[in-house]
Amino acid sequence: MRYALISDIHGNLPALDAVLDHIDDRDDLDAIYHLGDLVGYAPFPDEVVERLAEWGIPGVAGNYDSTTATDYEHCGCRYEDPRQEELSHRSYEWTRAHVSAETKRRLGALPFRIDLRPLGGHTGGPRLILVHGNPVLNTVYWTEDRSDGFCAQMAKKLGAREGDWVAFGHTHLPWHREVEGVHFVNTGSVGRPKDGDPRAGYVTLDFGEDGAGAVEFVRVGYDVERTAAAIRESDLPDEFATFLESGGARLD
């Protein structure tokens, strides 16, 4: 079974369309799932949610999805500094004001996690557990520099066992690591990368007949300027356009 996993689209429709076109051109993938944070920061929240519905792509709720759906007081984000906090609040308020009732309904219906069995529902073998970020608290970022002990603790919270895979996003930085037989994969971000590469990112996971998995990190170019121009034409902060153009390398 071969999966494509996409995450953290954040209202960036051109990036999503480029990734879906890239996936559609492949002949080696069986299913697509999203890992949440469909809205925020870019001006196409309704269009992104509608596109995923058109494609029939299931997935889990990100913090931005749940908080937008429930009109929570903030987006459930972590702030690096006061300026980032200010920008985050402006993004969240813009998103809440511009999403449709149908988008909020769809966001509110997303589950917290999805468990998949790549070898079949009644067959032994690995599980693939999909969540958005830290299964305990989204404001505690699960980054690549976290200790093995932290990863093992997260696996325990999820009930993951040796041979299982846990896939998530939230930090917008792709990585893969194995700890005590459990594989952890961060998918990176489709719509708001933070690693200095402005191209959209996604991940494929390939499970062979023996249950062994293989991960591939994929980057796809898209019309960044279209999204940047739409941001600048909206009431969103221009910094969000600069962020996309630089792949998150700078925000000024």
Protein backbone atom coordinates (compact mmCIF):
# COMPACT_ATOMS: atom_id res chain seq x y z
CA MET A 1 0.00 0.00 0.00
CA ARG A 2 1.36 3.40 -1.00
CA TYR A 3 0.10 6.59 0.61
CA ALA A 4 0.56 10.25 -0.20
CA LEU A 5 0.37 12.45 2.90
CA ILE A 6 -0.19 16.20 2.68
CA SER A 7 -0.31 18.64 5.56
CA ASP A 8 -0.39 22.30 6.56
CA ILE A 9 -1.90 23.69 3.37
CA HIS A 10 -2.88 26.87 5.20
CA GLY A 11 -5.21 28.35 2.62
CA ASN A 12 -2.68 28.16 -0.22
CA LEU A 13 -4.75 26.85 -3.14
CA PRO A 14 -2.06 27.16 -5.86
CA ALA A 15 0.30 25.05 -3.76
CA LEU A 16 -2.38 22.43 -3.11
CA ASP A 17 -3.35 22.23 -6.78
CA ALA A 18 0.28 21.76 -7.80
CA VAL A 19 0.72 18.94 -5.30
CA LEU A 20 -2.51 17.22 -6.31
CA ASP A 21 -1.55 17.46 -9.99
CA HIS A 22 1.86 15.97 -9.17
CA ILE A 23 0.25 13.11 -7.24
CA ASP A 24 -2.29 12.55 -10.00
CA ASP A 25 0.49 12.22 -12.58
CA ARG A 26 2.06 9.37 -10.62
CA ASP A 27 0.92 5.77 -11.05
CA ASP A 28 2.40 4.38 -7.84
CA LEU A 29 0.07 5.75 -5.15
CA ASP A 30 -3.06 4.14 -3.74
CA ALA A 31 -4.52 6.76 -1.38
CA ILE A 32 -4.14 10.37 -0.23
CA TYR A 33 -4.70 11.67 3.30
CA HIS A 34 -4.29 15.14 4.76
CA LEU A 35 -2.92 15.90 8.22
CA GLY A 36 -4.72 19.14 8.96
CA ASP A 37 -4.24 22.90 9.17
CA LEU A 38 -6.14 23.47 5.96
CA VAL A 39 -6.75 27.18 6.61
CA GLY A 40 -4.95 30.29 7.89
CA TYR A 41 -2.24 32.64 6.54
CA ALA A 42 -3.34 32.62 2.88
CA PRO A 43 -6.59 33.86 1.28
CA PHE A 44 -8.14 30.69 -0.14
CA PRO A 45 -9.56 28.83 2.90
CA ASP A 46 -12.95 27.93 1.38
CA GLU A 47 -11.35 26.91 -1.91
CA VAL A 48 -8.83 24.61 -0.21
CA VAL A 49 -11.49 22.84 1.84
CA GLU A 50 -13.71 22.52 -1.23
CA ARG A 51 -10.88 21.10 -3.33
CA LEU A 52 -10.16 18.38 -0.78
CA ALA A 53 -13.87 17.56 -0.72
CA GLU A 54 -13.95 17.38 -4.52
CA TRP A 55 -11.05 14.93 -4.47
CA GLY A 56 -12.58 12.95 -1.60
CA ILE A 57 -9.42 13.25 0.49
CA PRO A 58 -9.97 12.33 4.15
CA GLY A 59 -7.82 13.59 6.98
CA VAL A 60 -7.44 14.81 10.53
CA ALA A 61 -8.05 18.14 12.23
CA GLY A 62 -5.23 20.59 12.74
CA ASN A 63 -5.30 23.16 15.51
CA TYR A 64 -6.26 25.86 12.98
CA ASP A 65 -9.14 23.73 11.74
CA SER A 66 -10.62 22.99 15.15
CA THR A 67 -10.27 26.52 16.48
CA THR A 68 -11.75 28.08 13.33
CA ALA A 69 -14.66 25.65 13.43
CA THR A 70 -15.46 26.47 17.05
CA ASP A 71 -14.60 30.21 17.03
CA TYR A 72 -12.05 29.61 19.76
CA GLU A 73 -10.24 32.63 21.23
CA HIS A 74 -6.96 31.88 19.40
CA CYS A 75 -5.56 29.44 16.85
CA GLY A 76 -3.78 27.15 19.32
CA CYS A 77 -0.39 28.16 17.93
CA ARG A 78 2.98 28.66 19.59
CA TYR A 79 4.53 32.10 19.23
CA GLU A 80 8.27 32.61 18.70
CA ASP A 81 8.18 36.31 19.62
CA PRO A 82 5.68 39.17 20.11
CA ARG A 83 5.62 40.02 16.39
CA GLN A 84 4.79 36.43 15.49
CA GLU A 85 2.02 36.44 18.07
CA GLU A 86 0.55 39.63 16.58
CA LEU A 87 0.67 38.22 13.05
CA SER A 88 -0.85 34.93 14.17
CA HIS A 89 -3.81 36.73 15.74
CA ARG A 90 -4.33 38.78 12.58
CA SER A 91 -4.25 35.64 10.43
CA TYR A 92 -6.71 33.87 12.68
CA GLU A 93 -9.17 36.75 12.84
CA TRP A 94 -9.05 37.14 9.04
CA THR A 95 -9.67 33.44 8.56
CA ARG A 96 -12.59 33.34 11.00
CA ALA A 97 -14.16 36.33 9.24
CA HIS A 98 -13.82 34.91 5.73
CA VAL A 99 -14.65 31.20 5.95
CA SER A 100 -18.13 30.07 5.00
CA ALA A 101 -20.51 28.21 7.27
CA GLU A 102 -19.99 25.09 5.14
CA THR A 103 -16.22 25.31 5.54
CA LYS A 104 -16.60 25.60 9.30
CA ARG A 105 -18.90 22.58 9.28
CA ARG A 106 -16.38 20.52 7.33
CA LEU A 107 -13.49 21.61 9.54
CA GLY A 108 -15.49 20.76 12.65
CA ALA A 109 -16.21 17.26 11.37
CA LEU A 110 -12.54 16.27 11.04
CA PRO A 111 -11.35 13.58 13.48
CA PHE A 112 -8.38 13.98 15.83
CA ARG A 113 -6.59 10.89 14.47
CA ILE A 114 -6.90 8.19 11.84
CA ASP A 115 -5.43 4.70 12.17
CA LEU A 116 -4.67 2.78 8.98
CA ARG A 117 -3.58 -0.81 8.42
CA PRO A 118 -1.51 -0.84 5.22
CA LEU A 119 -1.68 -4.64 4.91
CA GLY A 120 -5.46 -4.78 5.35
CA GLY A 121 -7.99 -4.28 8.10
CA HIS A 122 -7.87 -7.84 9.48
CA THR A 123 -4.22 -8.51 8.73
CA GLY A 124 -1.38 -8.27 11.19
CA GLY A 125 1.38 -5.84 10.52
CA PRO A 126 2.14 -2.20 11.07
CA ARG A 127 -0.32 0.56 11.75
CA LEU A 128 -0.01 4.01 10.26
CA ILE A 129 -1.26 6.57 12.78
CA LEU A 130 -2.14 10.00 11.42
CA VAL A 131 -2.33 13.04 13.70
CA HIS A 132 -1.70 16.72 13.16
CA GLY A 133 1.05 17.36 15.69
CA ASN A 134 1.81 16.64 19.30
CA PRO A 135 -0.97 14.29 20.50
CA VAL A 136 -0.90 15.91 23.95
CA LEU A 137 -0.55 19.66 23.37
CA ASN A 138 -0.21 21.44 20.01
CA THR A 139 1.71 24.35 21.50
CA VAL A 140 4.54 21.96 22.40
CA TYR A 141 6.22 21.51 19.02
CA TRP A 142 7.41 18.04 18.02
CA THR A 143 10.58 19.03 16.21
CA GLU A 144 13.42 16.89 14.89
CA ASP A 145 15.72 17.85 17.75
CA ARG A 146 13.42 16.33 20.35
CA SER A 147 15.04 13.50 22.31
CA ASP A 148 14.42 9.81 21.73
CA GLY A 149 12.72 9.79 25.11
CA PHE A 150 10.26 12.48 23.99
CA CYS A 151 9.43 10.49 20.84
CA ALA A 152 8.95 7.32 22.87
CA GLN A 153 6.62 9.21 25.19
CA MET A 154 4.55 10.40 22.23
CA ALA A 155 4.42 6.84 20.88
CA LYS A 156 3.12 5.63 24.25
CA LYS A 157 0.42 8.32 24.27
CA LEU A 158 -0.71 7.13 20.85
CA GLY A 159 -0.49 3.45 21.71
CA ALA A 160 2.10 2.91 18.96
CA ARG A 161 4.10 -0.31 19.07
CA GLU A 162 7.26 -1.57 17.40
CA GLY A 163 6.75 -1.63 13.63
CA ASP A 164 4.13 1.13 13.64
CA TRP A 165 4.48 4.47 11.87
CA VAL A 166 3.31 7.85 13.17
CA ALA A 167 2.86 10.66 10.64
CA PHE A 168 2.20 14.29 11.53
CA GLY A 169 2.90 17.87 10.45
CA HIS A 170 2.33 21.13 12.36
CA THR A 171 5.95 22.39 12.42
CA HIS A 172 6.25 22.67 8.61
CA LEU A 173 9.69 21.01 8.70
CA PRO A 174 10.04 17.51 7.17
CA TRP A 175 11.96 14.73 8.92
CA HIS A 176 11.97 10.99 9.58
CA ARG A 177 13.37 9.06 12.52
CA GLU A 178 13.03 5.60 14.09
CA VAL A 179 12.93 5.24 17.88
CA GLU A 180 12.48 1.87 19.59
CA GLY A 181 11.11 0.37 16.38
CA VAL A 182 8.50 3.09 15.82
CA HIS A 183 8.92 5.35 12.79
CA PHE A 184 8.09 9.04 13.08
CA VAL A 185 7.54 11.12 9.94
CA ASN A 186 6.88 14.83 9.71
CA THR A 187 5.37 15.55 6.31
CA GLY A 188 6.50 19.18 6.09
CA SER A 189 4.07 21.68 4.60
CA VAL A 190 2.21 22.03 1.33
CA GLY A 191 1.33 25.68 1.71
CA ARG A 192 3.78 27.30 4.14
CA PRO A 193 7.23 25.64 4.23
CA LYS A 194 9.71 26.84 6.84
CA ASP A 195 12.94 25.22 5.66
CA GLY A 196 14.04 27.89 3.18
CA ASP A 197 12.65 26.00 0.18
CA PRO A 198 9.51 27.73 -1.14
CA ARG A 199 8.32 24.66 -3.03
CA ALA A 200 5.31 22.76 -1.70
CA GLY A 201 6.14 19.56 0.16
CA TYR A 202 4.48 16.21 0.69
CA VAL A 203 5.46 12.67 1.70
CA THR A 204 4.86 9.20 0.32
CA LEU A 205 4.92 6.06 2.45
CA ASP A 206 5.28 2.70 0.73
CA PHE A 207 4.46 -0.46 2.69
CA GLY A 208 5.59 -3.69 1.04
CA GLU A 209 4.04 -7.10 1.52
CA ASP A 210 6.25 -7.69 4.55
CA GLY A 211 5.02 -4.49 6.20
CA ALA A 212 8.33 -2.69 5.91
CA GLY A 213 7.83 0.96 5.09
CA ALA A 214 9.82 3.39 2.98
CA VAL A 215 9.48 7.16 3.06
CA GLU A 216 10.01 9.66 0.25
CA PHE A 217 10.03 13.44 0.70
CA VAL A 218 8.77 15.25 -2.40
CA ARG A 219 8.96 18.94 -3.34
CA VAL A 220 6.81 20.53 -6.03
CA GLY A 221 7.19 23.95 -7.58
CA TYR A 222 4.06 26.10 -7.84
CA ASP A 223 3.02 29.66 -8.65
CA VAL A 224 4.20 31.26 -5.43
CA GLU A 225 3.67 34.73 -6.88
CA ARG A 226 -0.02 34.05 -7.44
CA THR A 227 -0.51 33.34 -3.75
CA ALA A 228 1.78 36.19 -2.72
CA ALA A 229 -0.14 38.64 -4.91
CA ALA A 230 -3.47 37.44 -3.50
CA ILE A 231 -2.17 37.96 0.04
CA ARG A 232 -1.03 41.50 -0.78
CA GLU A 233 -4.38 42.27 -2.37
CA SER A 234 -6.20 41.08 0.75
CA ASP A 235 -6.27 42.46 4.29
CA LEU A 236 -3.76 39.84 5.40
CA PRO A 237 -0.29 41.10 6.43
CA ASP A 238 2.15 41.46 3.52
CA GLU A 239 4.69 39.58 5.65
CA PHE A 240 2.85 36.37 4.84
CA ALA A 241 3.65 36.87 1.14
CA THR A 242 7.33 37.50 1.91
CA PHE A 243 7.34 34.35 4.04
CA LEU A 244 6.13 32.20 1.15
CA GLU A 245 8.55 33.75 -1.33
CA SER A 246 11.50 32.96 0.90
CA GLY A 247 10.33 29.52 2.00
CA GLY A 248 10.13 30.77 5.55
CA ALA A 249 13.78 31.78 5.63
CA ARG A 250 12.91 35.31 6.65
CA LEU A 251 9.91 37.33 7.75
CA ASP A 252 10.38 41.08 7.61
